C-alpha atoms as a PDB file:
ATOM      1  CA  MET A   1      17.964  42.976  -9.324  1.00  0.00           C
ATOM      2  CA  THR A   2      16.825  39.348  -9.415  1.00  0.00           C
ATOM      3  CA  ASP A   3      18.740  36.975  -7.152  1.00  0.00           C
ATOM      4  CA  THR A   4      19.789  34.178  -9.498  1.00  0.00           C
ATOM      5  CA  HIS A   5      20.745  32.042  -6.481  1.00  0.00           C
ATOM      6  CA  MET A   6      17.225  32.064  -5.072  1.00  0.00           C
ATOM      7  CA  PRO A   7      15.683  28.553  -5.350  1.00  0.00           C
ATOM      8  CA  LYS A   8      12.791  28.184  -7.755  1.00  0.00           C
ATOM      9  CA  ASN A   9       9.540  26.401  -7.104  1.00  0.00           C
ATOM     10  CA  VAL A  10       8.634  23.548  -9.453  1.00  0.00           C
ATOM     11  CA  GLN A  11       4.963  22.613  -9.575  1.00  0.00           C
ATOM     12  CA  ILE A  12       2.669  20.330 -11.570  1.00  0.00           C
ATOM     13  CA  VAL A  13      -0.629  21.789 -12.743  1.00  0.00           C
ATOM     14  CA  LEU A  14      -3.729  20.305 -14.336  1.00  0.00           C
ATOM     15  CA  ALA A  15      -3.324  21.147 -18.036  1.00  0.00           C
ATOM     16  CA  SER A  16      -6.680  19.714 -19.116  1.00  0.00           C
ATOM     17  CA  ARG A  17      -9.435  17.472 -17.824  1.00  0.00           C
ATOM     18  CA  PRO A  18      -9.130  13.833 -18.934  1.00  0.00           C
ATOM     19  CA  HIS A  19     -11.857  11.983 -20.775  1.00  0.00           C
ATOM     20  CA  GLY A  20     -11.521   8.391 -19.600  1.00  0.00           C
ATOM     21  CA  GLU A  21      -8.032   7.363 -18.530  1.00  0.00           C
ATOM     22  CA  PRO A  22      -5.725  10.301 -17.702  1.00  0.00           C
ATOM     23  CA  THR A  23      -2.652  10.757 -19.896  1.00  0.00           C
ATOM     24  CA  SER A  24       0.571  12.702 -19.516  1.00  0.00           C
ATOM     25  CA  GLU A  25      -0.953  15.477 -21.650  1.00  0.00           C
ATOM     26  CA  ASN A  26      -3.371  16.284 -18.812  1.00  0.00           C
ATOM     27  CA  PHE A  27      -0.448  17.455 -16.648  1.00  0.00           C
ATOM     28  CA  ARG A  28       2.062  20.263 -17.082  1.00  0.00           C
ATOM     29  CA  THR A  29       5.233  21.141 -15.170  1.00  0.00           C
ATOM     30  CA  GLU A  30       5.906  24.808 -14.431  1.00  0.00           C
ATOM     31  CA  THR A  31       8.698  26.701 -12.697  1.00  0.00           C
ATOM     32  CA  THR A  32       7.715  29.708 -10.597  1.00  0.00           C
ATOM     33  CA  ALA A  33       9.255  32.047  -8.067  1.00  0.00           C
ATOM     34  CA  MET A  34       9.652  30.897  -4.492  1.00  0.00           C
ATOM     35  CA  PRO A  35       6.398  31.580  -2.588  1.00  0.00           C
ATOM     36  CA  VAL A  36       6.582  34.035   0.307  1.00  0.00           C
ATOM     37  CA  PRO A  37       4.714  33.408   3.575  1.00  0.00           C
ATOM     38  CA  GLY A  38       2.474  36.061   5.089  1.00  0.00           C
ATOM     39  CA  ASP A  39       1.469  36.554   8.697  1.00  0.00           C
ATOM     40  CA  GLY A  40       0.324  33.293  10.265  1.00  0.00           C
ATOM     41  CA  GLU A  41       1.813  31.263   7.396  1.00  0.00           C
ATOM     42  CA  VAL A  42       4.873  29.071   6.906  1.00  0.00           C
ATOM     43  CA  LEU A  43       7.104  28.302   3.945  1.00  0.00           C
ATOM     44  CA  LEU A  44       7.406  24.558   3.405  1.00  0.00           C
ATOM     45  CA  ARG A  45       9.810  22.304   1.519  1.00  0.00           C
ATOM     46  CA  THR A  46       7.999  19.195   0.301  1.00  0.00           C
ATOM     47  CA  VAL A  47       9.585  15.911   1.350  1.00  0.00           C
ATOM     48  CA  PHE A  48       6.838  13.359   0.612  1.00  0.00           C
ATOM     49  CA  LEU A  49       3.678  13.728  -1.463  1.00  0.00           C
ATOM     50  CA  SER A  50       0.710  11.356  -1.287  1.00  0.00           C
ATOM     51  CA  LEU A  51      -1.008   9.980  -4.399  1.00  0.00           C
ATOM     52  CA  ASP A  52      -4.456   8.500  -3.747  1.00  0.00           C
ATOM     53  CA  PRO A  53      -7.254   7.107  -5.955  1.00  0.00           C
ATOM     54  CA  TYR A  54      -9.835   9.707  -4.870  1.00  0.00           C
ATOM     55  CA  MET A  55      -7.829  12.317  -6.775  1.00  0.00           C
ATOM     56  CA  ARG A  56      -9.116  10.892 -10.060  1.00  0.00           C
ATOM     57  CA  GLY A  57     -12.542  12.316  -9.258  1.00  0.00           C
ATOM     58  CA  ARG A  58     -11.035  15.734  -8.706  1.00  0.00           C
ATOM     59  CA  LEU A  59      -9.601  15.749 -12.234  1.00  0.00           C
ATOM     60  CA  SER A  60     -13.191  15.930 -13.491  1.00  0.00           C
ATOM     61  CA  ASP A  61     -15.649  18.743 -12.857  1.00  0.00           C
ATOM     62  CA  ALA A  62     -18.507  16.459 -11.811  1.00  0.00           C
ATOM     63  CA  LYS A  63     -20.143  17.266  -8.494  1.00  0.00           C
ATOM     64  CA  SER A  64     -18.581  15.330  -5.630  1.00  0.00           C
ATOM     65  CA  TYR A  65     -17.860  15.513  -1.930  1.00  0.00           C
ATOM     66  CA  VAL A  66     -14.696  17.515  -2.630  1.00  0.00           C
ATOM     67  CA  PRO A  67     -14.210  20.394  -5.128  1.00  0.00           C
ATOM     68  CA  PRO A  68     -12.535  19.564  -8.460  1.00  0.00           C
ATOM     69  CA  PHE A  69      -9.001  20.606  -9.273  1.00  0.00           C
ATOM     70  CA  GLU A  70      -8.880  23.773 -11.325  1.00  0.00           C
ATOM     71  CA  VAL A  71      -7.417  23.722 -14.817  1.00  0.00           C
ATOM     72  CA  ASP A  72      -4.081  25.582 -15.035  1.00  0.00           C
ATOM     73  CA  ALA A  73      -3.734  25.462 -11.236  1.00  0.00           C
ATOM     74  CA  PRO A  74      -1.454  23.213  -9.162  1.00  0.00           C
ATOM     75  CA  LEU A  75      -2.856  19.880  -8.089  1.00  0.00           C
ATOM     76  CA  THR A  76      -2.965  19.341  -4.331  1.00  0.00           C
ATOM     77  CA  ALA A  77      -2.352  16.391  -2.040  1.00  0.00           C
ATOM     78  CA  GLY A  78      -1.462  15.358   1.465  1.00  0.00           C
ATOM     79  CA  SER A  79       2.191  16.071   2.121  1.00  0.00           C
ATOM     80  CA  VAL A  80       4.983  15.773   4.656  1.00  0.00           C
ATOM     81  CA  CYS A  81       7.081  18.919   4.641  1.00  0.00           C
ATOM     82  CA  GLU A  82       9.948  20.650   6.418  1.00  0.00           C
ATOM     83  CA  VAL A  83       9.354  24.186   7.664  1.00  0.00           C
ATOM     84  CA  ILE A  84      11.847  26.533   5.984  1.00  0.00           C
ATOM     85  CA  GLU A  85      10.504  29.835   7.297  1.00  0.00           C
ATOM     86  CA  SER A  86       7.745  30.520   9.803  1.00  0.00           C
ATOM     87  CA  ARG A  87       5.655  33.593  10.438  1.00  0.00           C
ATOM     88  CA  SER A  88       3.658  31.799  13.106  1.00  0.00           C
ATOM     89  CA  ASP A  89       4.454  31.184  16.761  1.00  0.00           C
ATOM     90  CA  ASP A  90       3.240  27.600  16.340  1.00  0.00           C
ATOM     91  CA  PHE A  91       6.129  26.425  14.152  1.00  0.00           C
ATOM     92  CA  ALA A  92       9.845  27.001  13.740  1.00  0.00           C
ATOM     93  CA  ALA A  93      12.282  26.344  10.923  1.00  0.00           C
ATOM     94  CA  GLY A  94      13.220  22.678  10.901  1.00  0.00           C
ATOM     95  CA  ASP A  95       9.861  21.403  12.152  1.00  0.00           C
ATOM     96  CA  ILE A  96       8.348  18.504  10.230  1.00  0.00           C
ATOM     97  CA  VAL A  97       4.646  18.886   9.494  1.00  0.00           C
ATOM     98  CA  LEU A  98       1.734  17.116   7.844  1.00  0.00           C
ATOM     99  CA  GLY A  99      -0.224  19.342   5.504  1.00  0.00           C
ATOM    100  CA  PHE A 100      -2.225  19.558   2.321  1.00  0.00           C
ATOM    101  CA  THR A 101      -0.208  21.378  -0.301  1.00  0.00           C
ATOM    102  CA  GLY A 102       0.441  21.462  -4.033  1.00  0.00           C
ATOM    103  CA  TRP A 103       2.279  19.006  -6.213  1.00  0.00           C
ATOM    104  CA  SER A 104       5.289  21.260  -5.804  1.00  0.00           C
ATOM    105  CA  THR A 105       8.769  21.459  -4.355  1.00  0.00           C
ATOM    106  CA  TYR A 106       7.831  24.375  -2.072  1.00  0.00           C
ATOM    107  CA  ALA A 107       4.557  25.686  -0.714  1.00  0.00           C
ATOM    108  CA  VAL A 108       3.090  28.270   1.613  1.00  0.00           C
ATOM    109  CA  ALA A 109       0.354  27.162   4.008  1.00  0.00           C
ATOM    110  CA  PRO A 110      -1.554  28.678   6.941  1.00  0.00           C
ATOM    111  CA  ALA A 111      -0.098  27.397  10.180  1.00  0.00           C
ATOM    112  CA  LYS A 112      -3.570  26.416  11.404  1.00  0.00           C
ATOM    113  CA  THR A 113      -3.841  23.809   8.620  1.00  0.00           C
ATOM    114  CA  LEU A 114      -0.671  21.948   9.661  1.00  0.00           C
ATOM    115  CA  ARG A 115       0.079  19.255  12.238  1.00  0.00           C
ATOM    116  CA  LYS A 116       3.562  18.829  13.666  1.00  0.00           C
ATOM    117  CA  LEU A 117       5.012  15.348  13.274  1.00  0.00           C
ATOM    118  CA  ASP A 118       7.385  13.540  15.601  1.00  0.00           C
ATOM    119  CA  PRO A 119      10.162  12.268  13.347  1.00  0.00           C
ATOM    120  CA  GLN A 120      11.092   9.551  15.846  1.00  0.00           C
ATOM    121  CA  GLY A 121       9.902   5.949  15.850  1.00  0.00           C
ATOM    122  CA  VAL A 122       8.375   5.512  12.385  1.00  0.00           C
ATOM    123  CA  PRO A 123       9.298   6.755   8.894  1.00  0.00           C
ATOM    124  CA  LEU A 124       7.903  10.181   8.043  1.00  0.00           C
ATOM    125  CA  SER A 125       6.116   8.767   4.997  1.00  0.00           C
ATOM    126  CA  THR A 126       3.802   6.702   7.224  1.00  0.00           C
ATOM    127  CA  ALA A 127       1.918   9.909   8.048  1.00  0.00           C
ATOM    128  CA  LEU A 128       0.522   9.694   4.501  1.00  0.00           C
ATOM    129  CA  GLY A 129      -0.326   5.989   4.599  1.00  0.00           C
ATOM    130  CA  VAL A 130      -0.693   3.526   7.424  1.00  0.00           C
ATOM    131  CA  LEU A 131      -0.819   6.330  10.030  1.00  0.00           C
ATOM    132  CA  GLY A 132      -2.512   8.834   7.740  1.00  0.00           C
ATOM    133  CA  MET A 133      -5.728   9.215   5.799  1.00  0.00           C
ATOM    134  CA  PRO A 134      -5.719   5.702   4.235  1.00  0.00           C
ATOM    135  CA  GLY A 135      -5.057   3.955   7.544  1.00  0.00           C
ATOM    136  CA  PHE A 136      -7.731   5.979   9.275  1.00  0.00           C
ATOM    137  CA  THR A 137     -10.156   5.243   6.442  1.00  0.00           C
ATOM    138  CA  ALA A 138      -9.746   1.523   7.104  1.00  0.00           C
ATOM    139  CA  TYR A 139      -9.941   1.952  10.873  1.00  0.00           C
ATOM    140  CA  ALA A 140     -13.084   4.078  10.864  1.00  0.00           C
ATOM    141  CA  GLY A 141     -14.949   2.356   8.029  1.00  0.00           C
ATOM    142  CA  LEU A 142     -14.415  -1.123   9.427  1.00  0.00           C
ATOM    143  CA  ALA A 143     -15.247  -0.203  13.024  1.00  0.00           C
ATOM    144  CA  GLU A 144     -18.183   2.117  12.407  1.00  0.00           C
ATOM    145  CA  ILE A 145     -19.846   0.344   9.450  1.00  0.00           C
ATOM    146  CA  GLY A 146     -18.324  -3.129   9.130  1.00  0.00           C
ATOM    147  CA  HIS A 147     -18.562  -4.141  12.805  1.00  0.00           C
ATOM    148  CA  PRO A 148     -16.631  -7.410  12.350  1.00  0.00           C
ATOM    149  CA  LYS A 149     -17.331 -10.050  14.963  1.00  0.00           C
ATOM    150  CA  GLU A 150     -15.350 -13.037  16.117  1.00  0.00           C
ATOM    151  CA  GLY A 151     -15.681 -15.936  13.698  1.00  0.00           C
ATOM    152  CA  GLU A 152     -17.069 -13.848  10.824  1.00  0.00           C
ATOM    153  CA  THR A 153     -15.514 -13.609   7.387  1.00  0.00           C
ATOM    154  CA  VAL A 154     -14.261 -10.230   6.196  1.00  0.00           C
ATOM    155  CA  VAL A 155     -13.314  -9.792   2.539  1.00  0.00           C
ATOM    156  CA  VAL A 156     -11.446  -6.766   1.254  1.00  0.00           C
ATOM    157  CA  ALA A 157     -10.498  -5.855  -2.319  1.00  0.00           C
ATOM    158  CA  ALA A 158      -7.292  -4.003  -3.269  1.00  0.00           C
ATOM    159  CA  ALA A 159      -5.954  -5.744  -0.207  1.00  0.00           C
ATOM    160  CA  THR A 160      -2.286  -4.845  -0.619  1.00  0.00           C
ATOM    161  CA  GLY A 161      -3.081  -1.127  -0.678  1.00  0.00           C
ATOM    162  CA  PRO A 162      -2.848   1.019   2.455  1.00  0.00           C
ATOM    163  CA  VAL A 163      -6.580   0.756   3.147  1.00  0.00           C
ATOM    164  CA  GLY A 164      -7.047  -2.904   2.301  1.00  0.00           C
ATOM    165  CA  SER A 165      -4.024  -4.205   4.189  1.00  0.00           C
ATOM    166  CA  MET A 166      -5.124  -2.340   7.310  1.00  0.00           C
ATOM    167  CA  VAL A 167      -8.688  -3.646   6.998  1.00  0.00           C
ATOM    168  CA  GLY A 168      -7.501  -7.246   6.916  1.00  0.00           C
ATOM    169  CA  GLN A 169      -5.180  -6.879   9.885  1.00  0.00           C
ATOM    170  CA  LEU A 170      -7.802  -5.086  11.977  1.00  0.00           C
ATOM    171  CA  ALA A 171     -10.405  -7.717  11.062  1.00  0.00           C
ATOM    172  CA  GLN A 172      -8.099 -10.407  12.399  1.00  0.00           C
ATOM    173  CA  ARG A 173      -7.552  -8.468  15.604  1.00  0.00           C
ATOM    174  CA  ALA A 174     -11.340  -8.531  16.007  1.00  0.00           C
ATOM    175  CA  GLY A 175     -11.287 -12.323  15.694  1.00  0.00           C
ATOM    176  CA  ALA A 176     -12.587 -12.506  12.120  1.00  0.00           C
ATOM    177  CA  ARG A 177     -11.174 -14.354   9.104  1.00  0.00           C
ATOM    178  CA  ALA A 178      -9.454 -12.005   6.665  1.00  0.00           C
ATOM    179  CA  VAL A 179      -9.766 -12.790   2.958  1.00  0.00           C
ATOM    180  CA  GLY A 180      -7.789 -10.467   0.720  1.00  0.00           C
ATOM    181  CA  ILE A 181      -8.298  -9.921  -2.999  1.00  0.00           C
ATOM    182  CA  ALA A 182      -5.352  -8.578  -4.989  1.00  0.00           C
ATOM    183  CA  GLY A 183      -3.990  -8.566  -8.528  1.00  0.00           C
ATOM    184  CA  GLY A 184      -1.223 -11.057  -9.288  1.00  0.00           C
ATOM    185  CA  PRO A 185       0.761 -13.793  -7.490  1.00  0.00           C
ATOM    186  CA  GLU A 186       3.308 -11.374  -5.992  1.00  0.00           C
ATOM    187  CA  LYS A 187       0.650  -9.317  -4.252  1.00  0.00           C
ATOM    188  CA  CYS A 188      -1.156 -12.435  -3.048  1.00  0.00           C
ATOM    189  CA  ALA A 189       2.118 -13.776  -1.631  1.00  0.00           C
ATOM    190  CA  TYR A 190       2.505 -10.532   0.317  1.00  0.00           C
ATOM    191  CA  LEU A 191      -0.962 -10.956   1.842  1.00  0.00           C
ATOM    192  CA  ASN A 192       0.018 -14.415   3.037  1.00  0.00           C
ATOM    193  CA  GLU A 193       3.247 -12.953   4.415  1.00  0.00           C
ATOM    194  CA  ILE A 194       1.452 -10.369   6.560  1.00  0.00           C
ATOM    195  CA  GLY A 195      -0.990 -12.931   7.925  1.00  0.00           C
ATOM    196  CA  PHE A 196      -4.194 -12.832   5.860  1.00  0.00           C
ATOM    197  CA  ASP A 197      -6.063 -16.112   6.196  1.00  0.00           C
ATOM    198  CA  VAL A 198      -6.606 -16.376   2.437  1.00  0.00           C
ATOM    199  CA  ALA A 199      -5.332 -14.422  -0.567  1.00  0.00           C
ATOM    200  CA  ILE A 200      -7.160 -14.526  -3.907  1.00  0.00           C
ATOM    201  CA  ASP A 201      -5.934 -13.281  -7.282  1.00  0.00           C
ATOM    202  CA  HIS A 202      -8.722 -11.429  -9.083  1.00  0.00           C
ATOM    203  CA  ARG A 203      -6.802 -11.801 -12.347  1.00  0.00           C
ATOM    204  CA  SER A 204      -7.022 -15.595 -12.185  1.00  0.00           C
ATOM    205  CA  PRO A 205      -9.460 -17.252 -14.621  1.00  0.00           C
ATOM    206  CA  THR A 206     -10.756 -19.236 -11.623  1.00  0.00           C
ATOM    207  CA  PHE A 207     -11.336 -16.129  -9.473  1.00  0.00           C
ATOM    208  CA  VAL A 208     -15.080 -16.677  -8.930  1.00  0.00           C
ATOM    209  CA  ALA A 209     -14.540 -20.304  -7.919  1.00  0.00           C
ATOM    210  CA  ASP A 210     -11.573 -19.345  -5.737  1.00  0.00           C
ATOM    211  CA  LEU A 211     -13.674 -16.778  -3.878  1.00  0.00           C
ATOM    212  CA  LYS A 212     -16.417 -19.334  -3.322  1.00  0.00           C
ATOM    213  CA  ALA A 213     -13.905 -21.857  -1.955  1.00  0.00           C
ATOM    214  CA  ALA A 214     -12.364 -19.237   0.346  1.00  0.00           C
ATOM    215  CA  THR A 215     -15.753 -18.248   1.791  1.00  0.00           C
ATOM    216  CA  PRO A 216     -17.598 -21.541   2.395  1.00  0.00           C
ATOM    217  CA  GLY A 217     -19.785 -19.899   5.012  1.00  0.00           C
ATOM    218  CA  GLY A 218     -20.399 -16.780   2.936  1.00  0.00           C
ATOM    219  CA  ILE A 219     -19.195 -13.214   3.529  1.00  0.00           C
ATOM    220  CA  ASP A 220     -20.240 -11.161   6.542  1.00  0.00           C
ATOM    221  CA  VAL A 221     -18.300  -7.958   5.806  1.00  0.00           C
ATOM    222  CA  TYR A 222     -17.077  -6.801   2.417  1.00  0.00           C
ATOM    223  CA  PHE A 223     -14.937  -3.665   2.434  1.00  0.00           C
ATOM    224  CA  GLU A 224     -15.451  -2.227  -1.043  1.00  0.00           C
ATOM    225  CA  ASN A 225     -12.512  -0.488  -2.691  1.00  0.00           C
ATOM    226  CA  VAL A 226     -12.887  -1.650  -6.286  1.00  0.00           C
ATOM    227  CA  GLY A 227     -16.336  -2.408  -7.731  1.00  0.00           C
ATOM    228  CA  GLY A 228     -16.482  -3.994 -11.184  1.00  0.00           C
ATOM    229  CA  ALA A 229     -16.021  -7.738 -11.612  1.00  0.00           C
ATOM    230  CA  VAL A 230     -14.882  -8.138  -8.009  1.00  0.00           C
ATOM    231  CA  TRP A 231     -18.196  -6.794  -6.712  1.00  0.00           C
ATOM    232  CA  ASP A 232     -20.056  -9.037  -9.137  1.00  0.00           C
ATOM    233  CA  ALA A 233     -18.328 -12.064  -7.613  1.00  0.00           C
ATOM    234  CA  VAL A 234     -18.816 -10.917  -4.027  1.00  0.00           C
ATOM    235  CA  LEU A 235     -22.518 -10.043  -4.139  1.00  0.00           C
ATOM    236  CA  PRO A 236     -23.852 -13.634  -4.355  1.00  0.00           C
ATOM    237  CA  ARG A 237     -21.600 -14.634  -1.423  1.00  0.00           C
ATOM    238  CA  LEU A 238     -22.944 -12.001   0.993  1.00  0.00           C
ATOM    239  CA  ASN A 239     -24.720 -13.430   4.020  1.00  0.00           C
ATOM    240  CA  ASP A 240     -27.915 -12.230   5.615  1.00  0.00           C
ATOM    241  CA  PHE A 241     -27.215  -8.970   7.473  1.00  0.00           C
ATOM    242  CA  ALA A 242     -23.857  -8.511   5.726  1.00  0.00           C
ATOM    243  CA  ARG A 243     -22.255  -5.081   6.011  1.00  0.00           C
ATOM    244  CA  VAL A 244     -20.573  -3.355   3.070  1.00  0.00           C
ATOM    245  CA  PRO A 245     -18.567  -0.183   3.808  1.00  0.00           C
ATOM    246  CA  VAL A 246     -18.060   1.484   0.415  1.00  0.00           C
ATOM    247  CA  CYS A 247     -14.736   3.286   0.394  1.00  0.00           C
ATOM    248  CA  GLY A 248     -14.042   3.429  -3.338  1.00  0.00           C
ATOM    249  CA  VAL A 249     -14.837   1.932  -6.739  1.00  0.00           C
ATOM    250  CA  ILE A 250     -11.558   2.377  -8.570  1.00  0.00           C
ATOM    251  CA  ALA A 251     -12.602   0.021 -11.372  1.00  0.00           C
ATOM    252  CA  HIS A 252     -15.051   2.711 -12.528  1.00  0.00           C
ATOM    253  CA  TYR A 253     -13.105   5.943 -12.009  1.00  0.00           C
ATOM    254  CA  ASN A 254     -12.182   6.218 -15.690  1.00  0.00           C
ATOM    255  CA  ASP A 255     -15.631   5.246 -17.028  1.00  0.00           C
ATOM    256  CA  THR A 256     -17.098   7.620 -19.582  1.00  0.00           C
ATOM    257  CA  GLU A 257     -20.506   5.986 -20.020  1.00  0.00           C
ATOM    258  CA  ALA A 258     -22.874   3.561 -18.334  1.00  0.00           C
ATOM    259  CA  PRO A 259     -21.947  -0.132 -18.599  1.00  0.00           C
ATOM    260  CA  THR A 260     -23.481  -2.135 -21.400  1.00  0.00           C
ATOM    261  CA  GLY A 261     -25.735  -5.124 -20.847  1.00  0.00           C
ATOM    262  CA  PRO A 262     -28.955  -5.679 -18.925  1.00  0.00           C
ATOM    263  CA  ASP A 263     -30.030  -3.469 -16.054  1.00  0.00           C
ATOM    264  CA  ARG A 264     -28.913  -5.334 -12.918  1.00  0.00           C
ATOM    265  CA  MET A 265     -30.260  -2.799 -10.457  1.00  0.00           C
ATOM    266  CA  PRO A 266     -33.491  -4.745  -9.718  1.00  0.00           C
ATOM    267  CA  ALA A 267     -31.474  -7.874  -8.851  1.00  0.00           C
ATOM    268  CA  LEU A 268     -29.151  -5.856  -6.632  1.00  0.00           C
ATOM    269  CA  MET A 269     -32.004  -4.192  -4.779  1.00  0.00           C
ATOM    270  CA  GLY A 270     -33.701  -7.560  -4.397  1.00  0.00           C
ATOM    271  CA  SER A 271     -30.573  -9.028  -2.803  1.00  0.00           C
ATOM    272  CA  ILE A 272     -30.271  -6.073  -0.445  1.00  0.00           C
ATOM    273  CA  LEU A 273     -33.900  -6.532   0.594  1.00  0.00           C
ATOM    274  CA  ARG A 274     -33.952 -10.316   0.982  1.00  0.00           C
ATOM    275  CA  LYS A 275     -30.629 -10.532   2.796  1.00  0.00           C
ATOM    276  CA  ARG A 276     -31.075  -7.247   4.719  1.00  0.00           C
ATOM    277  CA  ILE A 277     -27.646  -6.139   3.550  1.00  0.00           C
ATOM    278  CA  ARG A 278     -26.295  -2.836   4.832  1.00  0.00           C
ATOM    279  CA  ILE A 279     -24.376  -0.935   2.140  1.00  0.00           C
ATOM    280  CA  GLN A 280     -23.040   2.427   3.240  1.00  0.00           C
ATOM    281  CA  GLY A 281     -20.726   4.809   1.483  1.00  0.00           C
ATOM    282  CA  PHE A 282     -18.498   6.948   3.666  1.00  0.00           C
ATOM    283  CA  ILE A 283     -15.745   9.532   3.652  1.00  0.00           C
ATOM    284  CA  GLN A 284     -13.102   9.247   6.340  1.00  0.00           C
ATOM    285  CA  SER A 285     -13.800  12.792   7.516  1.00  0.00           C
ATOM    286  CA  ASP A 286     -17.277  11.595   8.580  1.00  0.00           C
ATOM    287  CA  PHE A 287     -15.542  10.010  11.553  1.00  0.00           C
ATOM    288  CA  ALA A 288     -13.023  12.750  12.357  1.00  0.00           C
ATOM    289  CA  SER A 289     -13.919  12.586  16.049  1.00  0.00           C
ATOM    290  CA  HIS A 290     -12.233   9.140  16.161  1.00  0.00           C
ATOM    291  CA  LEU A 291      -8.893  10.376  14.822  1.00  0.00           C
ATOM    292  CA  GLY A 292      -7.325  10.686  18.251  1.00  0.00           C
ATOM    293  CA  ASP A 293      -8.331   7.128  19.135  1.00  0.00           C
ATOM    294  CA  PHE A 294      -6.840   5.958  15.846  1.00  0.00           C
ATOM    295  CA  HIS A 295      -3.430   7.465  16.558  1.00  0.00           C
ATOM    296  CA  ARG A 296      -3.403   6.237  20.161  1.00  0.00           C
ATOM    297  CA  THR A 297      -4.418   2.717  19.134  1.00  0.00           C
ATOM    298  CA  ILE A 298      -2.649   2.166  15.820  1.00  0.00           C
ATOM    299  CA  GLY A 299       0.493   4.276  16.286  1.00  0.00           C
ATOM    300  CA  PRO A 300       2.136   1.919  18.815  1.00  0.00           C
ATOM    301  CA  LEU A 301       1.128  -1.139  16.761  1.00  0.00           C
ATOM    302  CA  VAL A 302       2.892   0.272  13.697  1.00  0.00           C
ATOM    303  CA  ALA A 303       5.938   1.322  15.708  1.00  0.00           C
ATOM    304  CA  ASP A 304       6.430  -2.154  17.199  1.00  0.00           C
ATOM    305  CA  GLY A 305       5.765  -3.986  13.928  1.00  0.00           C
ATOM    306  CA  THR A 306       2.441  -5.556  14.925  1.00  0.00           C
ATOM    307  CA  ILE A 307       0.637  -3.732  12.105  1.00  0.00           C
ATOM    308  CA  LYS A 308       2.567  -4.278   8.884  1.00  0.00           C
ATOM    309  CA  TYR A 309       2.535  -2.010   5.872  1.00  0.00           C
ATOM    310  CA  ARG A 310       4.173  -1.570   2.497  1.00  0.00           C
ATOM    311  CA  GLU A 311       5.014   1.612   0.628  1.00  0.00           C
ATOM    312  CA  ASP A 312       5.699   2.168  -3.061  1.00  0.00           C
ATOM    313  CA  VAL A 313       7.975   5.220  -3.115  1.00  0.00           C
ATOM    314  CA  VAL A 314       8.783   6.870  -6.441  1.00  0.00           C
ATOM    315  CA  GLN A 315      11.516   9.457  -6.708  1.00  0.00           C
ATOM    316  CA  GLY A 316      11.129  13.013  -7.933  1.00  0.00           C
ATOM    317  CA  LEU A 317       8.183  15.324  -8.427  1.00  0.00           C
ATOM    318  CA  GLU A 318       8.398  14.798 -12.187  1.00  0.00           C
ATOM    319  CA  SER A 319       7.446  11.138 -11.609  1.00  0.00           C
ATOM    320  CA  ALA A 320       4.096  12.019 -10.025  1.00  0.00           C
ATOM    321  CA  PRO A 321       1.863  12.078 -13.145  1.00  0.00           C
ATOM    322  CA  THR A 322       3.094   8.721 -14.461  1.00  0.00           C
ATOM    323  CA  ALA A 323       2.841   7.140 -11.021  1.00  0.00           C
ATOM    324  CA  PHE A 324      -0.672   8.502 -10.556  1.00  0.00           C
ATOM    325  CA  ILE A 325      -1.843   7.187 -13.933  1.00  0.00           C
ATOM    326  CA  GLY A 326      -0.390   3.767 -13.154  1.00  0.00           C
ATOM    327  CA  MET A 327      -2.025   3.661  -9.736  1.00  0.00           C
ATOM    328  CA  LEU A 328      -5.464   3.760 -11.342  1.00  0.00           C
ATOM    329  CA  THR A 329      -4.717   0.450 -13.077  1.00  0.00           C
ATOM    330  CA  GLY A 330      -3.018  -1.205 -10.106  1.00  0.00           C
ATOM    331  CA  SER A 331       0.629  -0.801 -11.059  1.00  0.00           C
ATOM    332  CA  ASN A 332       1.654   0.317  -7.568  1.00  0.00           C
ATOM    333  CA  PHE A 333       2.359  -2.163  -4.777  1.00  0.00           C
ATOM    334  CA  GLY A 334       1.487  -0.610  -1.425  1.00  0.00           C
ATOM    335  CA  LYS A 335       0.883   3.015  -0.481  1.00  0.00           C
ATOM    336  CA  LEU A 336       2.004   5.229  -3.351  1.00  0.00           C
ATOM    337  CA  VAL A 337       4.236   8.080  -2.204  1.00  0.00           C
ATOM    338  CA  VAL A 338       6.401  10.502  -4.158  1.00  0.00           C
ATOM    339  CA  GLN A 339       9.664  11.516  -2.511  1.00  0.00           C
ATOM    340  CA  VAL A 340      10.005  15.077  -3.693  1.00  0.00           C
ATOM    341  CA  GLY A 341      13.002  16.131  -1.588  1.00  0.00           C
ATOM    342  CA  ASP A 342      15.591  14.750   0.790  1.00  0.00           C
ATOM    343  CA  ALA A 343      14.328  13.701   4.206  1.00  0.00           C
ATOM    344  CA  PRO A 344      15.700  15.878   7.022  1.00  0.00           C
ATOM    345  CA  ALA A 345      18.660  14.454   8.897  1.00  0.00           C
END
């Protein structure tokens, strides 16, 4: 006999691969039976789910550094969960863990893939943002590729996001000037509030002139999150021996064909040669050996308010597709997180 009181698992699957911008039709909500953990596994209740720009690449089947999502299978993401049932000696019911699970209300995961979180001191959601993958991306990319020095100018695009806001604050701690680029007056006001030296609105018709005025001595480090017109404005401002950590190019994630117009590759390569510019793409996992240093260094600074952050929390698993689609066009303000279930008391 089926137990009608047994909770069901709600999950969101990839219904079809998008061509260009994703739409709601590319996602489908399904209700399934509660998953059952096996030996060495735990049953998890999802509390917070992370939505991040890199996921757009996984909606396509193009070759990348991470496998694509499978059609008709649940999408996956970083998550903060409560352990409901454990078949591992490493965790007990009630533990709060960081994992990588489905866009779902419940999940089963191998215990070895989880990290126990201390629910004291900072909000649990920070494990997905300022103290999670995005924060570490900023920390590692800036330190290992950007190498900001005292008196230099560091520019970062998408500066109110979890990566960009961390980059600017860490650049200042290194003694550099932090110039943040964001979309709209409200986001620029926030950058001023958290201490950026200059905030520039890329939507302004005077953006190119504003960037030039904000970087009179040129740009020494540009932390690339966007690409597109922002990169076009930055490139002429790069100094000799500038460093460009390439974290993302969100302006191009929905492209379906090569840009029109003349081939600008020769000019780009010429600039790289003449100015001896270092441009290096990276994935945060390249620097996994620095993760412990990141938590020891940044954790206390977040807890005491020295490092500031902003989260954009949307409610309910059903909100995830719309929130994700909006994120790709900049509708979120801060780290985008879905609160799937109630936070533990």
